[in-house]
Amino acid sequence: GTGSTLLMWLGTATGYVTKWYDQSGNNYHAVQATTTAQPTITSGKITYNGTTQYLAIPYNAALNTSQFTYIFTCLTNTSTSTYQSPVSNRYIVGATIGGWIWYKYPNNTTPANEFQSFANTSTALTAVDTTVAAALNTKYKISAQYNGTSLNNVVNGTTSTGTMTYATNTAYQLRIGAGFNEGAANYFWFGDVNDFMLFNTSISTTDRDAILTAL
């Protein structure tokens, strides 16, 4: 309230994120009440420790539509070959699957630590390889869009596409900084996740590219 920047206000202190406010006016805030799970503010960015920290947006049908676009920026602080998810809206309960997820895959893929996205049918996990590896300390501008028939990704200008039938998430929270939305968080992201946007349709290529350029 004094006009200070966040970095000036924090000084040498550590800031913990309890709520990342939705700027759309719809109150879809990303929250974390558990102290040990709260990500931190590092150099003005939201940083996740790769073991406990994440934010969650409670389930809302309006955020789980049959077509969608999500856009975000991220940076990884580790080359460790583990599954890590910067953003996740997927669930698996028994034989029922739905929603979407973005992964940094471990070294059993080519290339190592490749980004992959999933848009899941009701009974299967369907992946689209991006061919882009998550390099250390590199900012990635990422978009994934499903238009009713295909999932299209953009990672720092590199595109990839896969055809699939999509089943929406019908009950579970959306997580930023972790996955395994149907239970205790897992697949924790180690690094930054910022500028997350979610649209209830596959927006135009012109609008998508304008957003990615501005980030």
C-alpha atoms as a PDB file:
ATOM      1  CA  GLY A   1       0.000   0.000   0.000  1.00  0.00           C
ATOM      2  CA  THR A   2       3.021   2.311   0.107  1.00  0.00           C
ATOM      3  CA  GLY A   3       3.878   2.110  -3.566  1.00  0.00           C
ATOM      4  CA  SER A   4       6.954  -0.036  -2.947  1.00  0.00           C
ATOM      5  CA  THR A   5       7.797  -2.849  -5.312  1.00  0.00           C
ATOM      6  CA  LEU A   6       7.513  -6.392  -4.015  1.00  0.00           C
ATOM      7  CA  LEU A   7      11.299  -6.782  -4.050  1.00  0.00           C
ATOM      8  CA  MET A   8      11.830  -3.535  -2.108  1.00  0.00           C
ATOM      9  CA  TRP A   9       9.183  -4.536   0.427  1.00  0.00           C
ATOM     10  CA  LEU A  10      10.742  -7.956   0.998  1.00  0.00           C
ATOM     11  CA  GLY A  11      14.313  -6.737   1.178  1.00  0.00           C
ATOM     12  CA  THR A  12      16.440  -9.672   2.354  1.00  0.00           C
ATOM     13  CA  ALA A  13      13.435 -11.511   3.812  1.00  0.00           C
ATOM     14  CA  THR A  14      11.807 -14.585   2.270  1.00  0.00           C
ATOM     15  CA  GLY A  15       8.247 -14.192   1.013  1.00  0.00           C
ATOM     16  CA  TYR A  16       5.862 -17.158   1.126  1.00  0.00           C
ATOM     17  CA  VAL A  17       2.929 -17.381  -1.277  1.00  0.00           C
ATOM     18  CA  THR A  18      -0.405 -18.126   0.408  1.00  0.00           C
ATOM     19  CA  LYS A  19      -2.586 -16.902  -2.459  1.00  0.00           C
ATOM     20  CA  TRP A  20      -1.866 -16.121  -6.102  1.00  0.00           C
ATOM     21  CA  TYR A  21      -4.774 -13.888  -7.077  1.00  0.00           C
ATOM     22  CA  ASP A  22      -6.788 -14.565 -10.214  1.00  0.00           C
ATOM     23  CA  GLN A  23      -6.672 -11.410 -12.350  1.00  0.00           C
ATOM     24  CA  SER A  24      -9.789 -12.291 -14.384  1.00  0.00           C
ATOM     25  CA  GLY A  25     -12.200 -11.195 -11.657  1.00  0.00           C
ATOM     26  CA  ASN A  26     -13.661 -14.708 -11.360  1.00  0.00           C
ATOM     27  CA  ASN A  27     -11.928 -15.479  -8.035  1.00  0.00           C
ATOM     28  CA  TYR A  28     -10.222 -18.644  -9.253  1.00  0.00           C
ATOM     29  CA  HIS A  29      -7.316 -18.006  -6.895  1.00  0.00           C
ATOM     30  CA  ALA A  30      -4.400 -20.437  -6.526  1.00  0.00           C
ATOM     31  CA  VAL A  31      -3.934 -21.010  -2.796  1.00  0.00           C
ATOM     32  CA  GLN A  32      -1.786 -22.850  -0.277  1.00  0.00           C
ATOM     33  CA  ALA A  33      -2.659 -22.807   3.433  1.00  0.00           C
ATOM     34  CA  THR A  34      -0.021 -25.317   4.565  1.00  0.00           C
ATOM     35  CA  THR A  35       3.128 -23.436   5.581  1.00  0.00           C
ATOM     36  CA  THR A  36       5.594 -26.112   4.498  1.00  0.00           C
ATOM     37  CA  ALA A  37       3.944 -26.345   1.075  1.00  0.00           C
ATOM     38  CA  GLN A  38       3.984 -22.626   0.272  1.00  0.00           C
ATOM     39  CA  PRO A  39       6.260 -21.617  -2.627  1.00  0.00           C
ATOM     40  CA  THR A  40       8.565 -18.647  -2.148  1.00  0.00           C
ATOM     41  CA  ILE A  41       9.205 -15.329  -3.857  1.00  0.00           C
ATOM     42  CA  THR A  42      12.699 -15.363  -5.354  1.00  0.00           C
ATOM     43  CA  SER A  43      13.864 -12.337  -7.374  1.00  0.00           C
ATOM     44  CA  GLY A  44      10.232 -11.422  -7.919  1.00  0.00           C
ATOM     45  CA  LYS A  45       9.250 -14.879  -9.215  1.00  0.00           C
ATOM     46  CA  ILE A  46       7.305 -17.736  -7.653  1.00  0.00           C
ATOM     47  CA  THR A  47       9.760 -20.568  -6.980  1.00  0.00           C
ATOM     48  CA  TYR A  48       8.973 -24.172  -6.030  1.00  0.00           C
ATOM     49  CA  ASN A  49      11.412 -26.428  -4.142  1.00  0.00           C
ATOM     50  CA  GLY A  50      10.726 -29.706  -5.969  1.00  0.00           C
ATOM     51  CA  THR A  51       9.683 -31.615  -2.843  1.00  0.00           C
ATOM     52  CA  THR A  52       6.750 -30.011  -1.001  1.00  0.00           C
ATOM     53  CA  GLN A  53       5.652 -26.727  -2.543  1.00  0.00           C
ATOM     54  CA  TYR A  54       2.695 -26.081  -4.839  1.00  0.00           C
ATOM     55  CA  LEU A  55      -0.440 -23.961  -5.273  1.00  0.00           C
ATOM     56  CA  ALA A  56      -3.934 -25.313  -5.943  1.00  0.00           C
ATOM     57  CA  ILE A  57      -7.054 -23.929  -7.606  1.00  0.00           C
ATOM     58  CA  PRO A  58     -10.120 -25.713  -6.202  1.00  0.00           C
ATOM     59  CA  TYR A  59     -12.206 -27.686  -8.698  1.00  0.00           C
ATOM     60  CA  ASN A  60     -14.667 -25.672 -10.746  1.00  0.00           C
ATOM     61  CA  ALA A  61     -16.525 -26.962 -13.803  1.00  0.00           C
ATOM     62  CA  ALA A  62     -15.939 -23.609 -15.533  1.00  0.00           C
ATOM     63  CA  LEU A  63     -12.191 -24.370 -15.568  1.00  0.00           C
ATOM     64  CA  ASN A  64     -12.699 -27.814 -17.115  1.00  0.00           C
ATOM     65  CA  THR A  65     -14.085 -27.380 -20.600  1.00  0.00           C
ATOM     66  CA  SER A  66     -14.039 -29.625 -23.658  1.00  0.00           C
ATOM     67  CA  GLN A  67     -11.720 -27.172 -25.411  1.00  0.00           C
ATOM     68  CA  PHE A  68      -9.005 -25.150 -23.712  1.00  0.00           C
ATOM     69  CA  THR A  69      -5.806 -23.150 -23.933  1.00  0.00           C
ATOM     70  CA  TYR A  70      -3.285 -22.795 -21.147  1.00  0.00           C
ATOM     71  CA  ILE A  71      -0.204 -20.602 -21.271  1.00  0.00           C
ATOM     72  CA  PHE A  72       2.571 -20.231 -18.732  1.00  0.00           C
ATOM     73  CA  THR A  73       6.263 -19.553 -18.258  1.00  0.00           C
ATOM     74  CA  CYS A  74       8.653 -21.756 -16.310  1.00  0.00           C
ATOM     75  CA  LEU A  75      12.297 -22.350 -15.508  1.00  0.00           C
ATOM     76  CA  THR A  76      13.876 -25.503 -14.069  1.00  0.00           C
ATOM     77  CA  ASN A  77      16.606 -25.569 -11.421  1.00  0.00           C
ATOM     78  CA  THR A  78      17.540 -29.229 -11.824  1.00  0.00           C
ATOM     79  CA  SER A  79      18.560 -31.752 -14.453  1.00  0.00           C
ATOM     80  CA  THR A  80      17.533 -34.641 -12.186  1.00  0.00           C
ATOM     81  CA  SER A  81      15.758 -37.369 -14.147  1.00  0.00           C
ATOM     82  CA  THR A  82      12.437 -37.444 -12.326  1.00  0.00           C
ATOM     83  CA  TYR A  83       8.912 -36.736 -13.489  1.00  0.00           C
ATOM     84  CA  GLN A  84       8.117 -33.090 -12.739  1.00  0.00           C
ATOM     85  CA  SER A  85       4.960 -31.130 -13.509  1.00  0.00           C
ATOM     86  CA  PRO A  86       4.865 -27.325 -13.562  1.00  0.00           C
ATOM     87  CA  VAL A  87       1.081 -27.332 -14.139  1.00  0.00           C
ATOM     88  CA  SER A  88      -1.404 -30.198 -13.851  1.00  0.00           C
ATOM     89  CA  ASN A  89      -5.149 -30.671 -14.187  1.00  0.00           C
ATOM     90  CA  ARG A  90      -5.128 -34.466 -14.636  1.00  0.00           C
ATOM     91  CA  TYR A  91      -6.530 -37.249 -12.489  1.00  0.00           C
ATOM     92  CA  ILE A  92      -6.470 -41.060 -12.553  1.00  0.00           C
ATOM     93  CA  VAL A  93      -8.938 -42.945 -10.339  1.00  0.00           C
ATOM     94  CA  GLY A  94      -9.112 -46.660 -11.020  1.00  0.00           C
ATOM     95  CA  ALA A  95      -9.723 -47.064 -14.730  1.00  0.00           C
ATOM     96  CA  THR A  96     -11.105 -43.522 -15.145  1.00  0.00           C
ATOM     97  CA  ILE A  97      -8.826 -40.772 -16.449  1.00  0.00           C
ATOM     98  CA  GLY A  98      -9.409 -37.141 -17.360  1.00  0.00           C
ATOM     99  CA  GLY A  99      -7.874 -33.708 -17.679  1.00  0.00           C
ATOM    100  CA  TRP A 100      -4.497 -32.480 -18.905  1.00  0.00           C
ATOM    101  CA  ILE A 101      -0.937 -32.235 -17.589  1.00  0.00           C
ATOM    102  CA  TRP A 102       2.424 -30.821 -18.643  1.00  0.00           C
ATOM    103  CA  TYR A 103       5.510 -32.889 -17.784  1.00  0.00           C
ATOM    104  CA  LYS A 104       9.266 -32.681 -17.795  1.00  0.00           C
ATOM    105  CA  TYR A 105      10.081 -36.298 -18.584  1.00  0.00           C
ATOM    106  CA  PRO A 106      13.132 -38.096 -17.153  1.00  0.00           C
ATOM    107  CA  ASN A 107      16.102 -39.523 -19.022  1.00  0.00           C
ATOM    108  CA  ASN A 108      14.326 -42.578 -20.405  1.00  0.00           C
ATOM    109  CA  THR A 109      13.024 -40.408 -23.250  1.00  0.00           C
ATOM    110  CA  THR A 110      14.769 -38.811 -26.208  1.00  0.00           C
ATOM    111  CA  PRO A 111      15.811 -36.071 -25.695  1.00  0.00           C
ATOM    112  CA  ALA A 112      16.515 -36.283 -21.959  1.00  0.00           C
ATOM    113  CA  ASN A 113      14.146 -34.251 -19.763  1.00  0.00           C
ATOM    114  CA  GLU A 114      11.855 -33.595 -22.711  1.00  0.00           C
ATOM    115  CA  PHE A 115       8.716 -31.548 -22.241  1.00  0.00           C
ATOM    116  CA  GLN A 116       5.550 -33.548 -22.960  1.00  0.00           C
ATOM    117  CA  SER A 117       1.874 -32.687 -22.644  1.00  0.00           C
ATOM    118  CA  PHE A 118      -1.077 -34.991 -22.092  1.00  0.00           C
ATOM    119  CA  ALA A 119      -4.756 -34.516 -22.856  1.00  0.00           C
ATOM    120  CA  ASN A 120      -6.382 -37.643 -21.568  1.00  0.00           C
ATOM    121  CA  THR A 121      -9.238 -39.780 -22.843  1.00  0.00           C
ATOM    122  CA  SER A 122     -11.507 -41.417 -20.263  1.00  0.00           C
ATOM    123  CA  THR A 123      -9.434 -44.614 -20.296  1.00  0.00           C
ATOM    124  CA  ALA A 124      -5.965 -43.734 -21.671  1.00  0.00           C
ATOM    125  CA  LEU A 125      -3.067 -41.316 -21.301  1.00  0.00           C
ATOM    126  CA  THR A 126      -2.291 -39.639 -24.616  1.00  0.00           C
ATOM    127  CA  ALA A 127       1.021 -37.778 -24.862  1.00  0.00           C
ATOM    128  CA  VAL A 128       2.389 -35.293 -27.368  1.00  0.00           C
ATOM    129  CA  ASP A 129       6.202 -35.098 -27.464  1.00  0.00           C
ATOM    130  CA  THR A 130       7.586 -31.599 -27.926  1.00  0.00           C
ATOM    131  CA  THR A 131      11.200 -32.623 -28.815  1.00  0.00           C
ATOM    132  CA  VAL A 132      12.312 -29.749 -26.549  1.00  0.00           C
ATOM    133  CA  ALA A 133      14.476 -30.619 -23.542  1.00  0.00           C
ATOM    134  CA  ALA A 134      14.171 -28.563 -20.365  1.00  0.00           C
ATOM    135  CA  ALA A 135      17.592 -26.924 -19.998  1.00  0.00           C
ATOM    136  CA  LEU A 136      18.796 -25.510 -16.704  1.00  0.00           C
ATOM    137  CA  ASN A 137      18.130 -21.843 -15.954  1.00  0.00           C
ATOM    138  CA  THR A 138      16.297 -21.249 -19.235  1.00  0.00           C
ATOM    139  CA  LYS A 139      12.967 -19.451 -19.398  1.00  0.00           C
ATOM    140  CA  TYR A 140      10.339 -21.325 -21.388  1.00  0.00           C
ATOM    141  CA  LYS A 141       7.212 -19.739 -22.834  1.00  0.00           C
ATOM    142  CA  ILE A 142       4.694 -22.564 -23.215  1.00  0.00           C
ATOM    143  CA  SER A 143       1.216 -22.993 -24.645  1.00  0.00           C
ATOM    144  CA  ALA A 144      -1.019 -26.052 -25.015  1.00  0.00           C
ATOM    145  CA  GLN A 145      -4.352 -25.943 -26.843  1.00  0.00           C
ATOM    146  CA  TYR A 146      -7.057 -28.522 -27.489  1.00  0.00           C
ATOM    147  CA  ASN A 147      -9.580 -27.608 -30.215  1.00  0.00           C
ATOM    148  CA  GLY A 148     -11.857 -30.633 -29.992  1.00  0.00           C
ATOM    149  CA  THR A 149      -9.746 -32.943 -32.148  1.00  0.00           C
ATOM    150  CA  SER A 150      -6.056 -32.177 -31.617  1.00  0.00           C
ATOM    151  CA  LEU A 151      -3.633 -30.949 -28.964  1.00  0.00           C
ATOM    152  CA  ASN A 152      -1.178 -28.307 -30.149  1.00  0.00           C
ATOM    153  CA  ASN A 153       1.888 -27.238 -28.151  1.00  0.00           C
ATOM    154  CA  VAL A 154       4.296 -24.334 -28.480  1.00  0.00           C
ATOM    155  CA  VAL A 155       7.571 -24.284 -26.495  1.00  0.00           C
ATOM    156  CA  ASN A 156       9.728 -21.239 -27.205  1.00  0.00           C
ATOM    157  CA  GLY A 157       8.514 -21.235 -30.792  1.00  0.00           C
ATOM    158  CA  THR A 158       8.747 -24.998 -31.415  1.00  0.00           C
ATOM    159  CA  THR A 159       5.359 -26.540 -32.212  1.00  0.00           C
ATOM    160  CA  SER A 160       4.042 -30.099 -31.895  1.00  0.00           C
ATOM    161  CA  THR A 161       0.600 -31.592 -32.488  1.00  0.00           C
ATOM    162  CA  GLY A 162      -1.262 -34.827 -31.718  1.00  0.00           C
ATOM    163  CA  THR A 163      -4.794 -36.012 -32.517  1.00  0.00           C
ATOM    164  CA  MET A 164      -6.894 -37.371 -29.651  1.00  0.00           C
ATOM    165  CA  THR A 165     -10.289 -37.506 -27.943  1.00  0.00           C
ATOM    166  CA  TYR A 166     -10.276 -35.563 -24.691  1.00  0.00           C
ATOM    167  CA  ALA A 167     -12.087 -36.272 -21.406  1.00  0.00           C
ATOM    168  CA  THR A 168     -12.380 -33.387 -18.956  1.00  0.00           C
ATOM    169  CA  ASN A 169     -11.411 -33.330 -15.288  1.00  0.00           C
ATOM    170  CA  THR A 170     -14.718 -33.782 -13.475  1.00  0.00           C
ATOM    171  CA  ALA A 171     -13.858 -33.430  -9.785  1.00  0.00           C
ATOM    172  CA  TYR A 172     -10.274 -32.540  -8.891  1.00  0.00           C
ATOM    173  CA  GLN A 173      -8.215 -29.424  -8.188  1.00  0.00           C
ATOM    174  CA  LEU A 174      -5.757 -27.837 -10.598  1.00  0.00           C
ATOM    175  CA  ARG A 175      -2.195 -27.687  -9.272  1.00  0.00           C
ATOM    176  CA  ILE A 176       0.665 -25.326 -10.078  1.00  0.00           C
ATOM    177  CA  GLY A 177       4.061 -26.701  -9.087  1.00  0.00           C
ATOM    178  CA  ALA A 178       2.942 -30.325  -8.678  1.00  0.00           C
ATOM    179  CA  GLY A 179       0.706 -33.065 -10.057  1.00  0.00           C
ATOM    180  CA  PHE A 180      -1.210 -36.133  -8.845  1.00  0.00           C
ATOM    181  CA  ASN A 181      -4.327 -34.000  -8.454  1.00  0.00           C
ATOM    182  CA  GLU A 182      -6.494 -36.845  -7.157  1.00  0.00           C
ATOM    183  CA  GLY A 183      -4.389 -37.399  -4.008  1.00  0.00           C
ATOM    184  CA  ALA A 184      -1.408 -36.155  -2.036  1.00  0.00           C
ATOM    185  CA  ALA A 185       0.696 -33.965  -4.333  1.00  0.00           C
ATOM    186  CA  ASN A 186       3.536 -35.533  -6.312  1.00  0.00           C
ATOM    187  CA  TYR A 187       5.684 -34.845  -9.406  1.00  0.00           C
ATOM    188  CA  PHE A 188       6.868 -31.615  -7.758  1.00  0.00           C
ATOM    189  CA  TRP A 189       8.418 -28.909  -9.913  1.00  0.00           C
ATOM    190  CA  PHE A 190      11.852 -27.568  -8.935  1.00  0.00           C
ATOM    191  CA  GLY A 191      12.139 -24.041 -10.297  1.00  0.00           C
ATOM    192  CA  ASP A 192       9.854 -21.159 -11.286  1.00  0.00           C
ATOM    193  CA  VAL A 193       6.307 -21.179 -12.648  1.00  0.00           C
ATOM    194  CA  ASN A 194       4.878 -17.790 -13.557  1.00  0.00           C
ATOM    195  CA  ASP A 195       2.284 -16.033 -15.737  1.00  0.00           C
ATOM    196  CA  PHE A 196      -0.192 -18.937 -15.729  1.00  0.00           C
ATOM    197  CA  MET A 197      -3.310 -18.340 -17.883  1.00  0.00           C
ATOM    198  CA  LEU A 198      -6.210 -20.689 -18.636  1.00  0.00           C
ATOM    199  CA  PHE A 199      -8.859 -20.119 -21.321  1.00  0.00           C
ATOM    200  CA  ASN A 200     -12.089 -22.092 -21.776  1.00  0.00           C
ATOM    201  CA  THR A 201     -11.568 -22.408 -25.531  1.00  0.00           C
ATOM    202  CA  SER A 202      -8.845 -22.897 -28.102  1.00  0.00           C
ATOM    203  CA  ILE A 203      -7.964 -19.248 -28.711  1.00  0.00           C
ATOM    204  CA  SER A 204      -6.803 -17.984 -32.090  1.00  0.00           C
ATOM    205  CA  THR A 205      -3.223 -18.455 -33.191  1.00  0.00           C
ATOM    206  CA  THR A 206      -2.877 -14.679 -33.434  1.00  0.00           C
ATOM    207  CA  ASP A 207      -3.973 -14.159 -29.836  1.00  0.00           C
ATOM    208  CA  ARG A 208      -1.878 -17.049 -28.549  1.00  0.00           C
ATOM    209  CA  ASP A 209       1.274 -15.804 -30.273  1.00  0.00           C
ATOM    210  CA  ALA A 210       0.671 -12.249 -29.066  1.00  0.00           C
ATOM    211  CA  ILE A 211       0.473 -13.466 -25.466  1.00  0.00           C
ATOM    212  CA  LEU A 212       3.591 -15.632 -25.794  1.00  0.00           C
ATOM    213  CA  THR A 213       5.538 -12.726 -27.301  1.00  0.00           C
ATOM    214  CA  ALA A 214       4.497 -10.423 -24.449  1.00  0.00           C
ATOM    215  CA  LEU A 215       5.571 -12.800 -21.652  1.00  0.00           C
END
